[in-house]
Amino acid sequence: MTKQYTLAQISEFLDASLDGDASHCIEKIATLANAKETDIAFLANKKYRAQLDDTQAGAVIISEKEANLFSGNKLVVKDAYIAYAKLAQMMDTTPACASGVHPSAVVDSTAQLGENVSIAANAVISAGVILGDNVQIGAGSFVGENTKIAQGTKLWANVSVYHDIEIGENCLFQSGAVIGSDGFGYANEAGKWIKIPQLGRVIIGNRVEIGANTTIDRGALDDTVIHDDVILDNQIQIAHNVEIGQGSAMAACSVIAGSTKMGKYCQVAGLVGINGHIEICDGVMLTGMTMVTKSITEPGAYSSGMPHTTNKEWRRNMAHFRNLSDFKERIKSLEEKSSNQSVDE
């Protein structure tokens, strides 16, 4: 049976100002365009203001400055997007990663399990592993030797955590994440690649979220470190010995090469490439497709990716780009000629 919430309950939970029918029942959250009478919608982007006129939502979460734009049931808040995020947590219907210890799970006799630990079918818990209270290990996941996972952390299906890894409290790992795989370490002797065993670990703080199929390599000698409250999207590559500061966020398909240190509260958009052995200070924002080749010492927004244009215009611009050296020499020649004329006059 679908759970229902009255607007009075939702208003109290969000600490919102309710204007409308307090007894109206809500079953789920929906967009303004698709909401029904039993749904609650929200306006967090001014691009969708026009949809307020036609929405069938039973109520709308709206900011104080835009409250006068809607005459129906509404919950007035300071920040509609933050309120939506909190309400989504309240109404979350995501099932547990696991419930109890499945008979097909393989748990080594030396592993230590806290209270209320759940391990799903075909998961493997290796020797010396320590799982804190309320840890959930999804189906088919692997936890390597001597790894420690603190209380409340969840691993969805098919997550691989290698040996000697330390993971903090209340973290979330989406399916396919790989933590502690070997960093890309090789020496070349006369054309032959010699593997360098990666002897460091991965240390992950509290409340970290790792997206699906994201990989974090173990350190070569020192550890790879992901600090508290970091969020990583899907399909991200974090190389060996990288350190990511507290509260930083990375979007999908971005990569950080080895031994780079990123500061606190940085924001990295999708498809960003960050060179190795550099430092990025606190509070840096990198827009999509930015290529970072050297250290950044001042906070702020940085960009380098080329926005799309028509193919015709792009080809014309690339032709000009290939001739930049010629343009430079021609300008230099004109400047010298102009300078000589000025002297003669």
C-alpha atoms as a PDB file:
ATOM      1  CA  MET A   1       0.000   0.000   0.000  1.00  0.00           C
ATOM      2  CA  THR A   2       1.324   3.429  -0.949  1.00  0.00           C
ATOM      3  CA  LYS A   3       2.172   5.561   2.060  1.00  0.00           C
ATOM      4  CA  GLN A   4       0.464   8.935   2.263  1.00  0.00           C
ATOM      5  CA  TYR A   5       1.488  12.162   3.979  1.00  0.00           C
ATOM      6  CA  THR A   6      -0.740  15.124   4.750  1.00  0.00           C
ATOM      7  CA  LEU A   7       0.454  18.587   3.819  1.00  0.00           C
ATOM      8  CA  ALA A   8       0.459  19.358   7.533  1.00  0.00           C
ATOM      9  CA  GLN A   9       2.975  16.533   8.118  1.00  0.00           C
ATOM     10  CA  ILE A  10       5.140  17.609   5.205  1.00  0.00           C
ATOM     11  CA  SER A  11       5.014  21.246   6.275  1.00  0.00           C
ATOM     12  CA  GLU A  12       6.158  20.322   9.774  1.00  0.00           C
ATOM     13  CA  PHE A  13       8.967  18.132   8.455  1.00  0.00           C
ATOM     14  CA  LEU A  14      10.252  20.897   6.157  1.00  0.00           C
ATOM     15  CA  ASP A  15       9.589  23.702   8.634  1.00  0.00           C
ATOM     16  CA  ALA A  16       7.636  25.351   5.807  1.00  0.00           C
ATOM     17  CA  SER A  17       4.813  27.858   5.785  1.00  0.00           C
ATOM     18  CA  LEU A  18       1.648  26.097   4.587  1.00  0.00           C
ATOM     19  CA  ASP A  19      -0.881  27.993   2.510  1.00  0.00           C
ATOM     20  CA  GLY A  20      -3.804  25.705   1.641  1.00  0.00           C
ATOM     21  CA  ASP A  21      -5.531  22.512   2.745  1.00  0.00           C
ATOM     22  CA  ALA A  22      -3.516  20.982   5.568  1.00  0.00           C
ATOM     23  CA  SER A  23      -5.391  17.666   5.302  1.00  0.00           C
ATOM     24  CA  HIS A  24      -4.662  17.113   1.606  1.00  0.00           C
ATOM     25  CA  CYS A  25      -2.828  13.792   1.145  1.00  0.00           C
ATOM     26  CA  ILE A  26       0.362  13.365  -0.902  1.00  0.00           C
ATOM     27  CA  GLU A  27       1.765  10.056  -2.146  1.00  0.00           C
ATOM     28  CA  LYS A  28       4.881  11.044  -4.101  1.00  0.00           C
ATOM     29  CA  ILE A  29       6.980  13.839  -5.583  1.00  0.00           C
ATOM     30  CA  ALA A  30       6.620  14.679  -9.283  1.00  0.00           C
ATOM     31  CA  THR A  31       7.554  17.353 -11.797  1.00  0.00           C
ATOM     32  CA  LEU A  32       5.265  20.303 -12.352  1.00  0.00           C
ATOM     33  CA  ALA A  33       4.438  19.036 -15.843  1.00  0.00           C
ATOM     34  CA  ASN A  34       3.502  15.481 -14.843  1.00  0.00           C
ATOM     35  CA  ALA A  35       2.172  15.851 -11.304  1.00  0.00           C
ATOM     36  CA  LYS A  36      -1.275  14.557 -10.319  1.00  0.00           C
ATOM     37  CA  GLU A  37      -3.617  15.523  -7.490  1.00  0.00           C
ATOM     38  CA  THR A  38      -1.841  13.150  -5.067  1.00  0.00           C
ATOM     39  CA  ASP A  39       1.617  14.445  -6.012  1.00  0.00           C
ATOM     40  CA  ILE A  40       3.675  17.328  -4.708  1.00  0.00           C
ATOM     41  CA  ALA A  41       5.868  19.286  -7.136  1.00  0.00           C
ATOM     42  CA  PHE A  42       8.457  22.005  -6.649  1.00  0.00           C
ATOM     43  CA  LEU A  43       9.714  25.102  -8.444  1.00  0.00           C
ATOM     44  CA  ALA A  44      13.482  25.442  -8.157  1.00  0.00           C
ATOM     45  CA  ASN A  45      14.329  26.796 -11.613  1.00  0.00           C
ATOM     46  CA  LYS A  46      12.794  29.935 -13.070  1.00  0.00           C
ATOM     47  CA  LYS A  47      12.714  28.286 -16.516  1.00  0.00           C
ATOM     48  CA  TYR A  48       9.713  26.265 -15.322  1.00  0.00           C
ATOM     49  CA  ARG A  49       7.647  29.129 -13.905  1.00  0.00           C
ATOM     50  CA  ALA A  50       5.207  28.923 -16.817  1.00  0.00           C
ATOM     51  CA  GLN A  51       4.304  25.362 -15.789  1.00  0.00           C
ATOM     52  CA  LEU A  52       2.746  26.656 -12.572  1.00  0.00           C
ATOM     53  CA  ASP A  53      -0.301  27.787 -14.534  1.00  0.00           C
ATOM     54  CA  ASP A  54      -1.135  24.291 -15.813  1.00  0.00           C
ATOM     55  CA  THR A  55       0.206  21.968 -13.139  1.00  0.00           C
ATOM     56  CA  GLN A  56      -2.225  19.439 -11.654  1.00  0.00           C
ATOM     57  CA  ALA A  57      -0.060  18.973  -8.540  1.00  0.00           C
ATOM     58  CA  GLY A  58      -1.864  18.677  -5.236  1.00  0.00           C
ATOM     59  CA  ALA A  59       0.681  21.104  -3.794  1.00  0.00           C
ATOM     60  CA  VAL A  60       3.826  22.949  -4.821  1.00  0.00           C
ATOM     61  CA  ILE A  61       6.992  23.642  -2.846  1.00  0.00           C
ATOM     62  CA  ILE A  62       7.983  27.196  -3.724  1.00  0.00           C
ATOM     63  CA  SER A  63      10.419  29.842  -2.503  1.00  0.00           C
ATOM     64  CA  GLU A  64       9.340  32.908  -0.561  1.00  0.00           C
ATOM     65  CA  LYS A  65      10.185  35.269  -3.411  1.00  0.00           C
ATOM     66  CA  GLU A  66       8.048  33.304  -5.904  1.00  0.00           C
ATOM     67  CA  ALA A  67       5.170  32.341  -3.623  1.00  0.00           C
ATOM     68  CA  ASN A  68       2.813  34.873  -5.206  1.00  0.00           C
ATOM     69  CA  LEU A  69       3.114  33.091  -8.583  1.00  0.00           C
ATOM     70  CA  PHE A  70       0.972  30.132  -7.466  1.00  0.00           C
ATOM     71  CA  SER A  71      -2.508  30.225  -5.939  1.00  0.00           C
ATOM     72  CA  GLY A  72      -3.005  26.535  -5.103  1.00  0.00           C
ATOM     73  CA  ASN A  73      -1.822  24.549  -2.096  1.00  0.00           C
ATOM     74  CA  LYS A  74       1.764  25.559  -1.480  1.00  0.00           C
ATOM     75  CA  LEU A  75       4.583  25.081   0.984  1.00  0.00           C
ATOM     76  CA  VAL A  76       6.642  28.249   1.160  1.00  0.00           C
ATOM     77  CA  VAL A  77      10.327  27.789   1.993  1.00  0.00           C
ATOM     78  CA  LYS A  78      13.604  29.691   1.705  1.00  0.00           C
ATOM     79  CA  ASP A  79      15.123  27.301  -0.834  1.00  0.00           C
ATOM     80  CA  ALA A  80      12.775  25.068  -2.835  1.00  0.00           C
ATOM     81  CA  TYR A  81      15.532  22.766  -4.098  1.00  0.00           C
ATOM     82  CA  ILE A  82      16.882  22.097  -0.604  1.00  0.00           C
ATOM     83  CA  ALA A  83      13.344  21.430   0.607  1.00  0.00           C
ATOM     84  CA  TYR A  84      12.803  19.008  -2.282  1.00  0.00           C
ATOM     85  CA  ALA A  85      16.024  17.158  -1.376  1.00  0.00           C
ATOM     86  CA  LYS A  86      14.950  16.777   2.254  1.00  0.00           C
ATOM     87  CA  LEU A  87      11.429  15.679   1.310  1.00  0.00           C
ATOM     88  CA  ALA A  88      12.867  13.090  -1.113  1.00  0.00           C
ATOM     89  CA  GLN A  89      14.738  11.579   1.839  1.00  0.00           C
ATOM     90  CA  MET A  90      11.543  11.482   3.882  1.00  0.00           C
ATOM     91  CA  MET A  91       9.591   9.776   1.067  1.00  0.00           C
ATOM     92  CA  ASP A  92      12.401   7.531  -0.186  1.00  0.00           C
ATOM     93  CA  THR A  93      11.194   4.054  -1.121  1.00  0.00           C
ATOM     94  CA  THR A  94      14.611   2.561  -1.999  1.00  0.00           C
ATOM     95  CA  PRO A  95      14.871  -0.932  -0.467  1.00  0.00           C
ATOM     96  CA  ALA A  96      17.774  -2.045   1.693  1.00  0.00           C
ATOM     97  CA  CYS A  97      20.909  -3.332  -0.047  1.00  0.00           C
ATOM     98  CA  ALA A  98      20.548  -6.538   1.952  1.00  0.00           C
ATOM     99  CA  SER A  99      18.452  -8.018   4.738  1.00  0.00           C
ATOM    100  CA  GLY A 100      20.037 -10.499   7.122  1.00  0.00           C
ATOM    101  CA  VAL A 101      22.906 -12.771   6.094  1.00  0.00           C
ATOM    102  CA  HIS A 102      21.985 -14.839   3.043  1.00  0.00           C
ATOM    103  CA  PRO A 103      22.890 -18.559   3.165  1.00  0.00           C
ATOM    104  CA  SER A 104      24.928 -18.242  -0.037  1.00  0.00           C
ATOM    105  CA  ALA A 105      27.107 -15.442   1.341  1.00  0.00           C
ATOM    106  CA  VAL A 106      30.686 -16.496   2.104  1.00  0.00           C
ATOM    107  CA  VAL A 107      31.881 -14.959   5.372  1.00  0.00           C
ATOM    108  CA  ASP A 108      35.349 -15.881   6.623  1.00  0.00           C
ATOM    109  CA  SER A 109      35.455 -17.135  10.211  1.00  0.00           C
ATOM    110  CA  THR A 110      37.897 -14.382  11.195  1.00  0.00           C
ATOM    111  CA  ALA A 111      35.664 -11.559   9.973  1.00  0.00           C
ATOM    112  CA  GLN A 112      34.064  -9.407  12.669  1.00  0.00           C
ATOM    113  CA  LEU A 113      30.463  -8.371  12.130  1.00  0.00           C
ATOM    114  CA  GLY A 114      28.761  -5.658  14.169  1.00  0.00           C
ATOM    115  CA  GLU A 115      25.123  -5.605  15.170  1.00  0.00           C
ATOM    116  CA  ASN A 116      22.433  -5.766  12.477  1.00  0.00           C
ATOM    117  CA  VAL A 117      24.902  -6.354   9.625  1.00  0.00           C
ATOM    118  CA  SER A 118      23.224  -7.535   6.403  1.00  0.00           C
ATOM    119  CA  ILE A 119      24.982  -9.488   3.644  1.00  0.00           C
ATOM    120  CA  ALA A 120      23.112 -10.402   0.457  1.00  0.00           C
ATOM    121  CA  ALA A 121      23.381 -13.457  -1.778  1.00  0.00           C
ATOM    122  CA  ASN A 122      26.778 -14.503  -3.148  1.00  0.00           C
ATOM    123  CA  ALA A 123      28.698 -11.740  -1.389  1.00  0.00           C
ATOM    124  CA  VAL A 124      32.204 -12.578  -0.132  1.00  0.00           C
ATOM    125  CA  ILE A 125      33.637 -11.253   3.138  1.00  0.00           C
ATOM    126  CA  SER A 126      37.325 -12.104   3.396  1.00  0.00           C
ATOM    127  CA  ALA A 127      39.631 -12.842   6.325  1.00  0.00           C
ATOM    128  CA  GLY A 128      40.187 -10.105   8.882  1.00  0.00           C
ATOM    129  CA  VAL A 129      37.367  -7.879   7.640  1.00  0.00           C
ATOM    130  CA  ILE A 130      35.624  -5.663  10.209  1.00  0.00           C
ATOM    131  CA  LEU A 131      32.066  -4.531   9.456  1.00  0.00           C
ATOM    132  CA  GLY A 132      30.478  -1.962  11.767  1.00  0.00           C
ATOM    133  CA  ASP A 133      26.908  -1.882  12.999  1.00  0.00           C
ATOM    134  CA  ASN A 134      24.143  -1.683  10.373  1.00  0.00           C
ATOM    135  CA  VAL A 135      26.495  -2.177   7.414  1.00  0.00           C
ATOM    136  CA  GLN A 136      24.756  -3.528   4.300  1.00  0.00           C
ATOM    137  CA  ILE A 137      26.648  -5.547   1.678  1.00  0.00           C
ATOM    138  CA  GLY A 138      24.778  -6.048  -1.607  1.00  0.00           C
ATOM    139  CA  ALA A 139      24.512  -9.185  -3.717  1.00  0.00           C
ATOM    140  CA  GLY A 140      27.717 -10.353  -5.372  1.00  0.00           C
ATOM    141  CA  SER A 141      29.905  -7.788  -3.631  1.00  0.00           C
ATOM    142  CA  PHE A 142      33.450  -8.567  -2.538  1.00  0.00           C
ATOM    143  CA  VAL A 143      35.256  -7.216   0.535  1.00  0.00           C
ATOM    144  CA  GLY A 144      38.975  -8.023   0.618  1.00  0.00           C
ATOM    145  CA  GLU A 145      41.219  -9.057   3.471  1.00  0.00           C
ATOM    146  CA  ASN A 146      41.643  -6.777   6.499  1.00  0.00           C
ATOM    147  CA  THR A 147      39.305  -4.113   5.147  1.00  0.00           C
ATOM    148  CA  LYS A 148      37.365  -2.031   7.673  1.00  0.00           C
ATOM    149  CA  ILE A 149      33.912  -0.623   6.937  1.00  0.00           C
ATOM    150  CA  ALA A 150      32.365   1.614   9.600  1.00  0.00           C
ATOM    151  CA  GLN A 151      28.751   1.681  10.749  1.00  0.00           C
ATOM    152  CA  GLY A 152      25.862   2.499   8.475  1.00  0.00           C
ATOM    153  CA  THR A 153      27.758   2.173   5.192  1.00  0.00           C
ATOM    154  CA  LYS A 154      25.985   0.526   2.239  1.00  0.00           C
ATOM    155  CA  LEU A 155      27.454  -1.344  -0.725  1.00  0.00           C
ATOM    156  CA  TRP A 156      25.033  -2.040  -3.550  1.00  0.00           C
ATOM    157  CA  ALA A 157      25.331  -5.125  -5.768  1.00  0.00           C
ATOM    158  CA  ASN A 158      28.660  -6.118  -7.298  1.00  0.00           C
ATOM    159  CA  VAL A 159      30.847  -3.598  -5.509  1.00  0.00           C
ATOM    160  CA  SER A 160      34.483  -4.687  -5.186  1.00  0.00           C
ATOM    161  CA  VAL A 161      36.520  -3.449  -2.238  1.00  0.00           C
ATOM    162  CA  TYR A 162      40.083  -4.743  -2.248  1.00  0.00           C
ATOM    163  CA  HIS A 163      42.315  -5.549   0.735  1.00  0.00           C
ATOM    164  CA  ASP A 164      43.424  -3.185   3.539  1.00  0.00           C
ATOM    165  CA  ILE A 165      40.864  -0.499   2.681  1.00  0.00           C
ATOM    166  CA  GLU A 166      39.341   1.776   5.332  1.00  0.00           C
ATOM    167  CA  ILE A 167      35.844   3.176   4.774  1.00  0.00           C
ATOM    168  CA  GLY A 168      34.070   5.544   7.165  1.00  0.00           C
ATOM    169  CA  GLU A 169      30.539   5.820   8.476  1.00  0.00           C
ATOM    170  CA  ASN A 170      27.323   6.218   6.474  1.00  0.00           C
ATOM    171  CA  CYS A 171      28.931   5.963   3.044  1.00  0.00           C
ATOM    172  CA  LEU A 172      27.087   4.763  -0.060  1.00  0.00           C
ATOM    173  CA  PHE A 173      28.649   2.802  -2.942  1.00  0.00           C
ATOM    174  CA  GLN A 174      26.623   2.255  -6.098  1.00  0.00           C
ATOM    175  CA  SER A 175      26.842  -0.951  -8.134  1.00  0.00           C
ATOM    176  CA  GLY A 176      30.049  -1.726  -9.948  1.00  0.00           C
ATOM    177  CA  ALA A 177      32.265   0.613  -7.925  1.00  0.00           C
ATOM    178  CA  VAL A 178      35.826  -0.677  -7.527  1.00  0.00           C
ATOM    179  CA  ILE A 179      37.832   0.535  -4.545  1.00  0.00           C
ATOM    180  CA  GLY A 180      41.520  -0.247  -4.119  1.00  0.00           C
ATOM    181  CA  SER A 181      42.413  -1.675  -7.519  1.00  0.00           C
ATOM    182  CA  ASP A 182      46.044  -1.293  -8.597  1.00  0.00           C
ATOM    183  CA  GLY A 183      47.226   2.116  -9.684  1.00  0.00           C
ATOM    184  CA  PHE A 184      48.819   2.409 -13.116  1.00  0.00           C
ATOM    185  CA  GLY A 185      52.396   1.850 -11.995  1.00  0.00           C
ATOM    186  CA  TYR A 186      55.016   0.405 -14.390  1.00  0.00           C
ATOM    187  CA  ALA A 187      58.695   0.864 -15.171  1.00  0.00           C
ATOM    188  CA  ASN A 188      60.033   0.406 -18.687  1.00  0.00           C
ATOM    189  CA  GLU A 189      63.226  -1.586 -19.198  1.00  0.00           C
ATOM    190  CA  ALA A 190      64.346  -1.718 -22.819  1.00  0.00           C
ATOM    191  CA  GLY A 191      60.768  -1.737 -24.078  1.00  0.00           C
ATOM    192  CA  LYS A 192      59.477  -4.214 -21.502  1.00  0.00           C
ATOM    193  CA  TRP A 193      56.929  -3.094 -18.929  1.00  0.00           C
ATOM    194  CA  ILE A 194      57.762  -4.098 -15.343  1.00  0.00           C
ATOM    195  CA  LYS A 195      54.799  -3.954 -12.969  1.00  0.00           C
ATOM    196  CA  ILE A 196      55.219  -1.965  -9.748  1.00  0.00           C
ATOM    197  CA  PRO A 197      53.092  -3.529  -6.997  1.00  0.00           C
ATOM    198  CA  GLN A 198      50.852  -0.896  -5.414  1.00  0.00           C
ATOM    199  CA  LEU A 199      51.581  -1.046  -1.689  1.00  0.00           C
ATOM    200  CA  GLY A 200      49.396   1.801  -0.403  1.00  0.00           C
ATOM    201  CA  ARG A 201      45.755   1.745   0.603  1.00  0.00           C
ATOM    202  CA  VAL A 202      42.550   3.718   0.000  1.00  0.00           C
ATOM    203  CA  ILE A 203      41.213   5.685   2.957  1.00  0.00           C
ATOM    204  CA  ILE A 204      37.636   6.947   2.625  1.00  0.00           C
ATOM    205  CA  GLY A 205      36.055   9.282   5.180  1.00  0.00           C
ATOM    206  CA  ASN A 206      32.505   9.575   6.482  1.00  0.00           C
ATOM    207  CA  ARG A 207      29.370  10.258   4.432  1.00  0.00           C
ATOM    208  CA  VAL A 208      31.134   9.706   1.099  1.00  0.00           C
ATOM    209  CA  GLU A 209      29.066   8.628  -1.911  1.00  0.00           C
ATOM    210  CA  ILE A 210      30.629   6.762  -4.840  1.00  0.00           C
ATOM    211  CA  GLY A 211      28.761   6.384  -8.151  1.00  0.00           C
ATOM    212  CA  ALA A 212      28.262   3.320 -10.309  1.00  0.00           C
ATOM    213  CA  ASN A 213      31.375   1.946 -12.046  1.00  0.00           C
ATOM    214  CA  THR A 214      33.616   4.562 -10.474  1.00  0.00           C
ATOM    215  CA  THR A 215      37.132   3.336  -9.700  1.00  0.00           C
ATOM    216  CA  ILE A 216      39.520   4.524  -6.997  1.00  0.00           C
ATOM    217  CA  ASP A 217      43.056   3.141  -7.222  1.00  0.00           C
ATOM    218  CA  ARG A 218      45.105   2.260  -4.170  1.00  0.00           C
ATOM    219  CA  GLY A 219      48.282   4.218  -3.505  1.00  0.00           C
ATOM    220  CA  ALA A 220      51.651   3.192  -4.856  1.00  0.00           C
ATOM    221  CA  LEU A 221      53.379   3.799  -1.505  1.00  0.00           C
ATOM    222  CA  ASP A 222      51.308   6.397   0.342  1.00  0.00           C
ATOM    223  CA  ASP A 223      47.509   6.147   0.492  1.00  0.00           C
ATOM    224  CA  THR A 224      44.803   7.447  -1.815  1.00  0.00           C
ATOM    225  CA  VAL A 225      42.570   9.576   0.420  1.00  0.00           C
ATOM    226  CA  ILE A 226      38.948  10.656  -0.043  1.00  0.00           C
ATOM    227  CA  HIS A 227      37.906  12.956   2.799  1.00  0.00           C
ATOM    228  CA  ASP A 228      34.516  13.368   4.508  1.00  0.00           C
ATOM    229  CA  ASP A 229      31.393  14.394   2.564  1.00  0.00           C
ATOM    230  CA  VAL A 230      32.891  13.937  -0.912  1.00  0.00           C
ATOM    231  CA  ILE A 231      30.432  12.917  -3.644  1.00  0.00           C
ATOM    232  CA  LEU A 232      31.620  11.178  -6.826  1.00  0.00           C
ATOM    233  CA  ASP A 233      29.316  10.540  -9.779  1.00  0.00           C
ATOM    234  CA  ASN A 234      29.315   7.495 -12.072  1.00  0.00           C
ATOM    235  CA  GLN A 235      32.268   6.350 -14.186  1.00  0.00           C
ATOM    236  CA  ILE A 236      34.942   8.491 -12.557  1.00  0.00           C
ATOM    237  CA  GLN A 237      38.607   7.459 -12.389  1.00  0.00           C
ATOM    238  CA  ILE A 238      40.661   8.439  -9.334  1.00  0.00           C
ATOM    239  CA  ALA A 239      44.302   7.397  -9.771  1.00  0.00           C
ATOM    240  CA  HIS A 240      46.827   6.310  -7.152  1.00  0.00           C
ATOM    241  CA  ASN A 241      47.835   8.690  -4.366  1.00  0.00           C
ATOM    242  CA  VAL A 242      45.174  11.264  -5.215  1.00  0.00           C
ATOM    243  CA  GLU A 243      43.733  13.218  -2.286  1.00  0.00           C
ATOM    244  CA  ILE A 244      40.292  14.843  -2.506  1.00  0.00           C
ATOM    245  CA  GLY A 245      39.375  17.383   0.168  1.00  0.00           C
ATOM    246  CA  GLN A 246      36.238  17.529   2.283  1.00  0.00           C
ATOM    247  CA  GLY A 247      32.955  18.361   0.598  1.00  0.00           C
ATOM    248  CA  SER A 248      34.238  18.270  -2.974  1.00  0.00           C
ATOM    249  CA  ALA A 249      32.047  16.947  -5.793  1.00  0.00           C
ATOM    250  CA  MET A 250      32.821  15.427  -9.192  1.00  0.00           C
ATOM    251  CA  ALA A 251      30.413  14.739 -12.060  1.00  0.00           C
ATOM    252  CA  ALA A 252      30.468  11.749 -14.393  1.00  0.00           C
ATOM    253  CA  CYS A 253      33.389  10.699 -16.590  1.00  0.00           C
ATOM    254  CA  SER A 254      35.928  13.048 -15.024  1.00  0.00           C
ATOM    255  CA  VAL A 255      39.420  11.782 -14.194  1.00  0.00           C
ATOM    256  CA  ILE A 256      42.263  12.707 -11.853  1.00  0.00           C
ATOM    257  CA  ALA A 257      45.755  11.447 -12.617  1.00  0.00           C
ATOM    258  CA  GLY A 258      48.141  10.218  -9.937  1.00  0.00           C
ATOM    259  CA  SER A 259      49.450  12.130  -6.918  1.00  0.00           C
ATOM    260  CA  THR A 260      47.232  15.172  -7.432  1.00  0.00           C
ATOM    261  CA  LYS A 261      45.798  16.918  -4.391  1.00  0.00           C
ATOM    262  CA  MET A 262      42.395  18.600  -4.645  1.00  0.00           C
ATOM    263  CA  GLY A 263      41.265  20.982  -1.909  1.00  0.00           C
ATOM    264  CA  LYS A 264      38.017  21.308   0.009  1.00  0.00           C
ATOM    265  CA  TYR A 265      34.637  22.190  -1.519  1.00  0.00           C
ATOM    266  CA  CYS A 266      35.764  22.002  -5.135  1.00  0.00           C
ATOM    267  CA  GLN A 267      33.219  21.283  -7.884  1.00  0.00           C
ATOM    268  CA  VAL A 268      34.241  19.355 -10.987  1.00  0.00           C
ATOM    269  CA  ALA A 269      31.818  19.102 -13.911  1.00  0.00           C
ATOM    270  CA  GLY A 270      31.610  16.184 -16.338  1.00  0.00           C
ATOM    271  CA  LEU A 271      34.413  15.073 -18.678  1.00  0.00           C
ATOM    272  CA  VAL A 272      37.077  17.093 -16.862  1.00  0.00           C
ATOM    273  CA  GLY A 273      40.667  15.849 -17.079  1.00  0.00           C
ATOM    274  CA  ILE A 274      43.087  16.741 -14.274  1.00  0.00           C
ATOM    275  CA  ASN A 275      46.822  16.171 -14.707  1.00  0.00           C
ATOM    276  CA  GLY A 276      48.957  14.326 -12.174  1.00  0.00           C
ATOM    277  CA  HIS A 277      51.365  15.693  -9.549  1.00  0.00           C
ATOM    278  CA  ILE A 278      49.616  19.058  -9.206  1.00  0.00           C
ATOM    279  CA  GLU A 279      47.578  20.816  -6.504  1.00  0.00           C
ATOM    280  CA  ILE A 280      44.170  22.450  -6.719  1.00  0.00           C
ATOM    281  CA  CYS A 281      43.291  24.844  -3.912  1.00  0.00           C
ATOM    282  CA  ASP A 282      40.010  24.997  -1.983  1.00  0.00           C
ATOM    283  CA  GLY A 283      36.899  26.376  -3.649  1.00  0.00           C
ATOM    284  CA  VAL A 284      37.737  25.752  -7.303  1.00  0.00           C
ATOM    285  CA  MET A 285      34.990  25.136  -9.881  1.00  0.00           C
ATOM    286  CA  LEU A 286      35.913  23.397 -13.154  1.00  0.00           C
ATOM    287  CA  THR A 287      33.328  23.594 -15.935  1.00  0.00           C
ATOM    288  CA  GLY A 288      32.639  20.720 -18.326  1.00  0.00           C
ATOM    289  CA  MET A 289      35.502  19.338 -20.446  1.00  0.00           C
ATOM    290  CA  THR A 290      38.112  21.516 -18.752  1.00  0.00           C
ATOM    291  CA  MET A 291      41.680  20.201 -19.039  1.00  0.00           C
ATOM    292  CA  VAL A 292      43.793  21.099 -16.008  1.00  0.00           C
ATOM    293  CA  THR A 293      47.504  20.839 -16.794  1.00  0.00           C
ATOM    294  CA  LYS A 294      49.030  22.802 -13.923  1.00  0.00           C
ATOM    295  CA  SER A 295      48.310  23.684 -10.305  1.00  0.00           C
ATOM    296  CA  ILE A 296      45.511  26.118  -9.436  1.00  0.00           C
ATOM    297  CA  THR A 297      46.302  28.411  -6.512  1.00  0.00           C
ATOM    298  CA  GLU A 298      43.325  30.813  -6.548  1.00  0.00           C
ATOM    299  CA  PRO A 299      39.678  29.811  -5.928  1.00  0.00           C
ATOM    300  CA  GLY A 300      37.117  30.512  -8.638  1.00  0.00           C
ATOM    301  CA  ALA A 301      35.731  29.101 -11.875  1.00  0.00           C
ATOM    302  CA  TYR A 302      38.021  27.746 -14.615  1.00  0.00           C
ATOM    303  CA  SER A 303      37.164  26.563 -18.136  1.00  0.00           C
ATOM    304  CA  SER A 304      38.873  25.286 -21.262  1.00  0.00           C
ATOM    305  CA  GLY A 305      36.396  23.059 -23.085  1.00  0.00           C
ATOM    306  CA  MET A 306      35.158  24.379 -26.426  1.00  0.00           C
ATOM    307  CA  PRO A 307      31.359  24.823 -26.620  1.00  0.00           C
ATOM    308  CA  HIS A 308      29.585  23.263 -29.581  1.00  0.00           C
ATOM    309  CA  THR A 309      28.884  25.204 -32.751  1.00  0.00           C
ATOM    310  CA  THR A 310      27.821  24.312 -36.262  1.00  0.00           C
ATOM    311  CA  ASN A 311      30.172  22.014 -38.134  1.00  0.00           C
ATOM    312  CA  LYS A 312      30.735  24.692 -40.776  1.00  0.00           C
ATOM    313  CA  GLU A 313      31.768  27.291 -38.214  1.00  0.00           C
ATOM    314  CA  TRP A 314      33.929  24.809 -36.311  1.00  0.00           C
ATOM    315  CA  ARG A 315      35.830  23.820 -39.480  1.00  0.00           C
ATOM    316  CA  ARG A 316      36.412  27.471 -40.319  1.00  0.00           C
ATOM    317  CA  ASN A 317      37.665  28.190 -36.785  1.00  0.00           C
ATOM    318  CA  MET A 318      39.984  25.170 -36.879  1.00  0.00           C
ATOM    319  CA  ALA A 319      41.448  26.395 -40.163  1.00  0.00           C
ATOM    320  CA  HIS A 320      42.213  29.718 -38.485  1.00  0.00           C
ATOM    321  CA  PHE A 321      43.655  27.914 -35.485  1.00  0.00           C
ATOM    322  CA  ARG A 322      46.105  25.962 -37.644  1.00  0.00           C
ATOM    323  CA  ASN A 323      47.352  29.252 -39.072  1.00  0.00           C
ATOM    324  CA  LEU A 324      47.947  30.970 -35.724  1.00  0.00           C
ATOM    325  CA  SER A 325      51.727  30.774 -36.095  1.00  0.00           C
ATOM    326  CA  ASP A 326      51.542  32.501 -39.483  1.00  0.00           C
ATOM    327  CA  PHE A 327      49.190  35.126 -38.047  1.00  0.00           C
ATOM    328  CA  LYS A 328      51.617  35.752 -35.199  1.00  0.00           C
ATOM    329  CA  GLU A 329      54.557  36.291 -37.568  1.00  0.00           C
ATOM    330  CA  ARG A 330      52.514  38.573 -39.816  1.00  0.00           C
ATOM    331  CA  ILE A 331      51.378  40.680 -36.844  1.00  0.00           C
ATOM    332  CA  LYS A 332      54.942  40.833 -35.546  1.00  0.00           C
ATOM    333  CA  SER A 333      56.133  41.975 -38.976  1.00  0.00           C
ATOM    334  CA  LEU A 334      53.437  44.663 -39.155  1.00  0.00           C
ATOM    335  CA  GLU A 335      54.309  45.894 -35.663  1.00  0.00           C
ATOM    336  CA  GLU A 336      57.988  46.159 -36.602  1.00  0.00           C
ATOM    337  CA  LYS A 337      57.125  47.992 -39.813  1.00  0.00           C
ATOM    338  CA  SER A 338      54.839  50.381 -37.913  1.00  0.00           C
ATOM    339  CA  SER A 339      57.532  50.977 -35.310  1.00  0.00           C
ATOM    340  CA  ASN A 340      60.141  51.738 -37.979  1.00  0.00           C
ATOM    341  CA  GLN A 341      57.802  54.205 -39.677  1.00  0.00           C
ATOM    342  CA  SER A 342      57.224  55.991 -36.407  1.00  0.00           C
ATOM    343  CA  VAL A 343      60.983  56.356 -35.887  1.00  0.00           C
ATOM    344  CA  ASP A 344      61.481  57.715 -39.395  1.00  0.00           C
ATOM    345  CA  GLU A 345      58.776  60.320 -38.855  1.00  0.00           C
END
